[in-house]
Amino acid sequence: MPTKKPSIHLILTGGTIDSYWNGIIDTAVPLKESCIPQFIQLLKLYEEVLYTTICMKDSRQLEQTDRKKILAALEKGKCKKIIITHGTYTMPDTAKYLQANLQQKDQTIILTGSIIPLTGFSPSDAPFNLGFSFAKVQELAAGVYISMNGRIFTPNEIIKLLSEGRFASVFGEK
């Protein structure tokens, strides 16, 4: 069977989705290497996926240089459909940065993550958020979006509701 050209670019940055729970320090800690490629391969998707790891960090530890690396990967990439896995604390900040600085305007970019790590916990919101993002990236118009909790948000509207463990729009229900 001939090798297919990648049609979805998955950019990995760490965050809770790609973490394990460390009970000693009572927090999620990013894995050394992403578990997401192995998870995606098990799904037997029809789309060919290209993987790029930018970093494996808690999003509170992301620096401007990390965001610039994400931006550079987007600018030099050939795929028009991109999913970026990201920690939830600063996901809106990165989405706003990308929206303001991205020169290519023909890409559909979705940032997603989870409140509960992909591995080691059941249930986790990670599989659903990834699946929903894969579906939506194929149908949304070009632009930057955030996909969490079965909803698509724009970078300028999303807020994290810590007390509820989910995201919402500052504009209320849509």
C-alpha atoms as a PDB file:
ATOM      1  CA  MET A   1       0.000   0.000   0.000  1.00  0.00           C
ATOM      2  CA  PRO A   2       1.476   3.412  -0.941  1.00  0.00           C
ATOM      3  CA  THR A   3       2.347   5.827   1.858  1.00  0.00           C
ATOM      4  CA  LYS A   4      -0.237   8.567   2.201  1.00  0.00           C
ATOM      5  CA  LYS A   5       0.690  12.219   2.492  1.00  0.00           C
ATOM      6  CA  PRO A   6       0.001  13.445   6.055  1.00  0.00           C
ATOM      7  CA  SER A   7      -3.299  15.283   6.165  1.00  0.00           C
ATOM      8  CA  ILE A   8      -3.420  16.225   9.858  1.00  0.00           C
ATOM      9  CA  HIS A   9      -0.469  17.638  11.767  1.00  0.00           C
ATOM     10  CA  LEU A  10      -0.529  16.922  15.509  1.00  0.00           C
ATOM     11  CA  ILE A  11       1.721  19.290  17.458  1.00  0.00           C
ATOM     12  CA  LEU A  12       2.483  18.121  20.997  1.00  0.00           C
ATOM     13  CA  THR A  13       3.385  20.462  23.879  1.00  0.00           C
ATOM     14  CA  GLY A  14       2.673  18.415  27.017  1.00  0.00           C
ATOM     15  CA  GLY A  15       0.014  19.496  29.489  1.00  0.00           C
ATOM     16  CA  THR A  16      -2.244  17.304  31.584  1.00  0.00           C
ATOM     17  CA  ILE A  17      -3.372  15.308  28.536  1.00  0.00           C
ATOM     18  CA  ASP A  18       0.195  13.987  28.233  1.00  0.00           C
ATOM     19  CA  SER A  19       0.960  13.638  31.963  1.00  0.00           C
ATOM     20  CA  TYR A  20       0.956  11.203  34.862  1.00  0.00           C
ATOM     21  CA  TRP A  21      -0.244  11.832  38.396  1.00  0.00           C
ATOM     22  CA  ASN A  22       2.511  12.336  40.959  1.00  0.00           C
ATOM     23  CA  GLY A  23       0.915  11.782  44.374  1.00  0.00           C
ATOM     24  CA  ILE A  24       4.013  12.950  46.230  1.00  0.00           C
ATOM     25  CA  ILE A  25       3.642  16.476  44.877  1.00  0.00           C
ATOM     26  CA  ASP A  26      -0.131  16.128  44.313  1.00  0.00           C
ATOM     27  CA  THR A  27      -0.154  17.241  40.702  1.00  0.00           C
ATOM     28  CA  ALA A  28       0.034  16.042  37.106  1.00  0.00           C
ATOM     29  CA  VAL A  29       3.564  15.953  35.674  1.00  0.00           C
ATOM     30  CA  PRO A  30       4.214  15.847  31.911  1.00  0.00           C
ATOM     31  CA  LEU A  31       5.624  12.590  30.565  1.00  0.00           C
ATOM     32  CA  LYS A  32       9.141  12.584  29.080  1.00  0.00           C
ATOM     33  CA  GLU A  33       7.671  11.437  25.735  1.00  0.00           C
ATOM     34  CA  SER A  34       4.133  11.802  24.467  1.00  0.00           C
ATOM     35  CA  CYS A  35       1.700   8.891  24.770  1.00  0.00           C
ATOM     36  CA  ILE A  36      -0.611  10.463  22.180  1.00  0.00           C
ATOM     37  CA  PRO A  37       0.950   9.020  18.976  1.00  0.00           C
ATOM     38  CA  GLN A  38       0.520   5.469  20.285  1.00  0.00           C
ATOM     39  CA  PHE A  39      -3.077   6.223  21.297  1.00  0.00           C
ATOM     40  CA  ILE A  40      -3.900   7.720  17.875  1.00  0.00           C
ATOM     41  CA  GLN A  41      -2.317   4.772  16.044  1.00  0.00           C
ATOM     42  CA  LEU A  42      -4.609   2.376  17.919  1.00  0.00           C
ATOM     43  CA  LEU A  43      -7.642   4.221  16.516  1.00  0.00           C
ATOM     44  CA  LYS A  44      -6.893   3.165  12.914  1.00  0.00           C
ATOM     45  CA  LEU A  45      -7.828   6.582  11.529  1.00  0.00           C
ATOM     46  CA  TYR A  46      -8.277   7.052   7.810  1.00  0.00           C
ATOM     47  CA  GLU A  47      -6.259  10.254   7.936  1.00  0.00           C
ATOM     48  CA  GLU A  48      -2.461  10.122   7.937  1.00  0.00           C
ATOM     49  CA  VAL A  49      -1.073  12.012  10.953  1.00  0.00           C
ATOM     50  CA  LEU A  50       2.250  13.834  11.202  1.00  0.00           C
ATOM     51  CA  TYR A  51       3.597  14.326  14.750  1.00  0.00           C
ATOM     52  CA  THR A  52       5.833  17.151  15.983  1.00  0.00           C
ATOM     53  CA  THR A  53       6.859  17.483  19.616  1.00  0.00           C
ATOM     54  CA  ILE A  54       7.628  21.069  20.609  1.00  0.00           C
ATOM     55  CA  CYS A  55       8.059  20.400  24.328  1.00  0.00           C
ATOM     56  CA  MET A  56       6.622  18.351  27.177  1.00  0.00           C
ATOM     57  CA  LYS A  57       5.654  20.977  29.749  1.00  0.00           C
ATOM     58  CA  ASP A  58       2.897  21.964  32.110  1.00  0.00           C
ATOM     59  CA  SER A  59       1.373  24.936  30.294  1.00  0.00           C
ATOM     60  CA  ARG A  60       2.139  27.147  33.287  1.00  0.00           C
ATOM     61  CA  GLN A  61       5.811  26.525  32.459  1.00  0.00           C
ATOM     62  CA  LEU A  62       5.496  27.460  28.773  1.00  0.00           C
ATOM     63  CA  GLU A  63       7.585  30.426  27.768  1.00  0.00           C
ATOM     64  CA  GLN A  64       7.331  32.810  24.837  1.00  0.00           C
ATOM     65  CA  THR A  65      10.120  30.850  23.118  1.00  0.00           C
ATOM     66  CA  ASP A  66       7.868  27.744  23.217  1.00  0.00           C
ATOM     67  CA  ARG A  67       5.014  29.675  21.593  1.00  0.00           C
ATOM     68  CA  LYS A  68       7.422  30.917  18.929  1.00  0.00           C
ATOM     69  CA  LYS A  69       8.425  27.301  18.232  1.00  0.00           C
ATOM     70  CA  ILE A  70       4.753  26.356  17.826  1.00  0.00           C
ATOM     71  CA  LEU A  71       4.278  29.303  15.469  1.00  0.00           C
ATOM     72  CA  ALA A  72       7.368  28.314  13.450  1.00  0.00           C
ATOM     73  CA  ALA A  73       6.084  24.734  13.114  1.00  0.00           C
ATOM     74  CA  LEU A  74       2.777  26.085  11.803  1.00  0.00           C
ATOM     75  CA  GLU A  75       4.427  28.494   9.379  1.00  0.00           C
ATOM     76  CA  LYS A  76       6.762  25.908   7.843  1.00  0.00           C
ATOM     77  CA  GLY A  77       4.236  23.070   7.897  1.00  0.00           C
ATOM     78  CA  LYS A  78       2.480  21.901   4.774  1.00  0.00           C
ATOM     79  CA  CYS A  79      -0.664  20.520   6.420  1.00  0.00           C
ATOM     80  CA  LYS A  80      -3.750  22.698   6.457  1.00  0.00           C
ATOM     81  CA  LYS A  81      -5.390  20.802   9.346  1.00  0.00           C
ATOM     82  CA  ILE A  82      -3.539  21.062  12.669  1.00  0.00           C
ATOM     83  CA  ILE A  83      -4.312  19.924  16.214  1.00  0.00           C
ATOM     84  CA  ILE A  84      -2.144  21.211  19.044  1.00  0.00           C
ATOM     85  CA  THR A  85      -2.278  19.375  22.368  1.00  0.00           C
ATOM     86  CA  HIS A  86      -1.712  21.843  25.169  1.00  0.00           C
ATOM     87  CA  GLY A  87      -2.135  22.290  28.894  1.00  0.00           C
ATOM     88  CA  THR A  88      -5.389  23.954  29.858  1.00  0.00           C
ATOM     89  CA  TYR A  89      -4.079  26.736  32.097  1.00  0.00           C
ATOM     90  CA  THR A  90      -2.521  28.817  29.309  1.00  0.00           C
ATOM     91  CA  MET A  91      -4.254  27.329  26.267  1.00  0.00           C
ATOM     92  CA  PRO A  92      -6.231  30.554  25.613  1.00  0.00           C
ATOM     93  CA  ASP A  93      -3.001  32.598  25.792  1.00  0.00           C
ATOM     94  CA  THR A  94      -1.305  30.426  23.173  1.00  0.00           C
ATOM     95  CA  ALA A  95      -4.400  30.475  20.955  1.00  0.00           C
ATOM     96  CA  LYS A  96      -4.510  34.292  21.103  1.00  0.00           C
ATOM     97  CA  TYR A  97      -0.777  34.485  20.363  1.00  0.00           C
ATOM     98  CA  LEU A  98      -1.147  32.226  17.322  1.00  0.00           C
ATOM     99  CA  GLN A  99      -4.194  34.088  16.068  1.00  0.00           C
ATOM    100  CA  ALA A 100      -2.343  37.425  16.310  1.00  0.00           C
ATOM    101  CA  ASN A 101       0.968  36.272  14.812  1.00  0.00           C
ATOM    102  CA  LEU A 102       0.206  33.571  12.258  1.00  0.00           C
ATOM    103  CA  GLN A 103       1.005  34.702   8.723  1.00  0.00           C
ATOM    104  CA  GLN A 104      -0.608  31.700   7.003  1.00  0.00           C
ATOM    105  CA  LYS A 105      -4.344  32.234   7.025  1.00  0.00           C
ATOM    106  CA  ASP A 106      -5.359  29.034   5.229  1.00  0.00           C
ATOM    107  CA  GLN A 107      -4.913  26.592   8.114  1.00  0.00           C
ATOM    108  CA  THR A 108      -7.514  25.216  10.499  1.00  0.00           C
ATOM    109  CA  ILE A 109      -5.835  25.030  13.905  1.00  0.00           C
ATOM    110  CA  ILE A 110      -7.425  23.486  16.989  1.00  0.00           C
ATOM    111  CA  LEU A 111      -5.860  23.537  20.437  1.00  0.00           C
ATOM    112  CA  THR A 112      -7.105  20.833  22.784  1.00  0.00           C
ATOM    113  CA  GLY A 113      -6.139  19.194  26.038  1.00  0.00           C
ATOM    114  CA  SER A 114      -7.766  17.611  29.045  1.00  0.00           C
ATOM    115  CA  ILE A 115      -8.490  18.041  32.710  1.00  0.00           C
ATOM    116  CA  ILE A 116      -7.577  14.385  33.358  1.00  0.00           C
ATOM    117  CA  PRO A 117      -4.493  12.644  31.843  1.00  0.00           C
ATOM    118  CA  LEU A 118      -4.980  10.369  28.809  1.00  0.00           C
ATOM    119  CA  THR A 119      -3.357   7.376  30.517  1.00  0.00           C
ATOM    120  CA  GLY A 120      -3.721   6.034  34.024  1.00  0.00           C
ATOM    121  CA  PHE A 121      -7.228   7.348  34.690  1.00  0.00           C
ATOM    122  CA  SER A 122     -10.674   6.186  33.745  1.00  0.00           C
ATOM    123  CA  PRO A 123     -12.717   7.998  32.800  1.00  0.00           C
ATOM    124  CA  SER A 124     -10.636  10.753  31.224  1.00  0.00           C
ATOM    125  CA  ASP A 125     -11.888  13.556  29.021  1.00  0.00           C
ATOM    126  CA  ALA A 126      -8.734  13.238  26.877  1.00  0.00           C
ATOM    127  CA  PRO A 127      -9.962  10.580  24.372  1.00  0.00           C
ATOM    128  CA  PHE A 128     -13.188  12.475  23.769  1.00  0.00           C
ATOM    129  CA  ASN A 129     -11.420  15.837  23.350  1.00  0.00           C
ATOM    130  CA  LEU A 130      -8.938  14.332  20.883  1.00  0.00           C
ATOM    131  CA  GLY A 131     -11.667  12.577  18.876  1.00  0.00           C
ATOM    132  CA  PHE A 132     -13.866  15.649  18.782  1.00  0.00           C
ATOM    133  CA  SER A 133     -10.880  17.729  17.625  1.00  0.00           C
ATOM    134  CA  PHE A 134     -10.063  15.258  14.835  1.00  0.00           C
ATOM    135  CA  ALA A 135     -13.658  15.464  13.613  1.00  0.00           C
ATOM    136  CA  LYS A 136     -13.914  19.247  13.842  1.00  0.00           C
ATOM    137  CA  VAL A 137     -10.537  20.059  12.260  1.00  0.00           C
ATOM    138  CA  GLN A 138     -11.818  18.445   9.073  1.00  0.00           C
ATOM    139  CA  GLU A 139     -14.944  20.597   8.835  1.00  0.00           C
ATOM    140  CA  LEU A 140     -14.155  24.029  10.327  1.00  0.00           C
ATOM    141  CA  ALA A 141     -13.102  26.993   8.217  1.00  0.00           C
ATOM    142  CA  ALA A 142      -9.516  28.230   8.440  1.00  0.00           C
ATOM    143  CA  GLY A 143      -8.752  29.911  11.762  1.00  0.00           C
ATOM    144  CA  VAL A 144      -7.620  29.253  15.331  1.00  0.00           C
ATOM    145  CA  TYR A 145      -9.981  27.421  17.694  1.00  0.00           C
ATOM    146  CA  ILE A 146     -10.033  25.679  21.046  1.00  0.00           C
ATOM    147  CA  SER A 147     -11.849  22.363  21.412  1.00  0.00           C
ATOM    148  CA  MET A 148     -12.852  21.332  24.926  1.00  0.00           C
ATOM    149  CA  ASN A 149     -15.851  19.635  26.483  1.00  0.00           C
ATOM    150  CA  GLY A 150     -17.628  18.972  23.183  1.00  0.00           C
ATOM    151  CA  ARG A 151     -17.541  22.609  22.121  1.00  0.00           C
ATOM    152  CA  ILE A 152     -15.514  24.776  19.790  1.00  0.00           C
ATOM    153  CA  PHE A 153     -14.438  28.155  21.149  1.00  0.00           C
ATOM    154  CA  THR A 154     -12.616  31.123  19.675  1.00  0.00           C
ATOM    155  CA  PRO A 155      -9.481  32.317  21.463  1.00  0.00           C
ATOM    156  CA  ASN A 156     -11.153  35.559  22.561  1.00  0.00           C
ATOM    157  CA  GLU A 157     -14.188  33.992  24.183  1.00  0.00           C
ATOM    158  CA  ILE A 158     -12.943  30.988  26.147  1.00  0.00           C
ATOM    159  CA  ILE A 159     -12.622  30.890  29.925  1.00  0.00           C
ATOM    160  CA  LYS A 160     -11.651  28.041  32.215  1.00  0.00           C
ATOM    161  CA  LEU A 161     -14.133  27.366  35.002  1.00  0.00           C
ATOM    162  CA  LEU A 162     -11.869  25.821  37.626  1.00  0.00           C
ATOM    163  CA  SER A 163     -14.748  25.076  39.992  1.00  0.00           C
ATOM    164  CA  GLU A 164     -16.520  23.059  37.264  1.00  0.00           C
ATOM    165  CA  GLY A 165     -13.455  21.493  35.641  1.00  0.00           C
ATOM    166  CA  ARG A 166     -14.442  22.660  32.168  1.00  0.00           C
ATOM    167  CA  PHE A 167     -14.423  25.572  29.753  1.00  0.00           C
ATOM    168  CA  ALA A 168     -17.144  28.018  28.736  1.00  0.00           C
ATOM    169  CA  SER A 169     -17.697  31.070  26.566  1.00  0.00           C
ATOM    170  CA  VAL A 170     -17.618  34.531  28.112  1.00  0.00           C
ATOM    171  CA  PHE A 171     -20.632  35.182  25.879  1.00  0.00           C
ATOM    172  CA  GLY A 172     -22.686  32.473  27.604  1.00  0.00           C
ATOM    173  CA  GLU A 173     -24.455  29.620  25.836  1.00  0.00           C
ATOM    174  CA  LYS A 174     -24.327  29.556  22.057  1.00  0.00           C
END
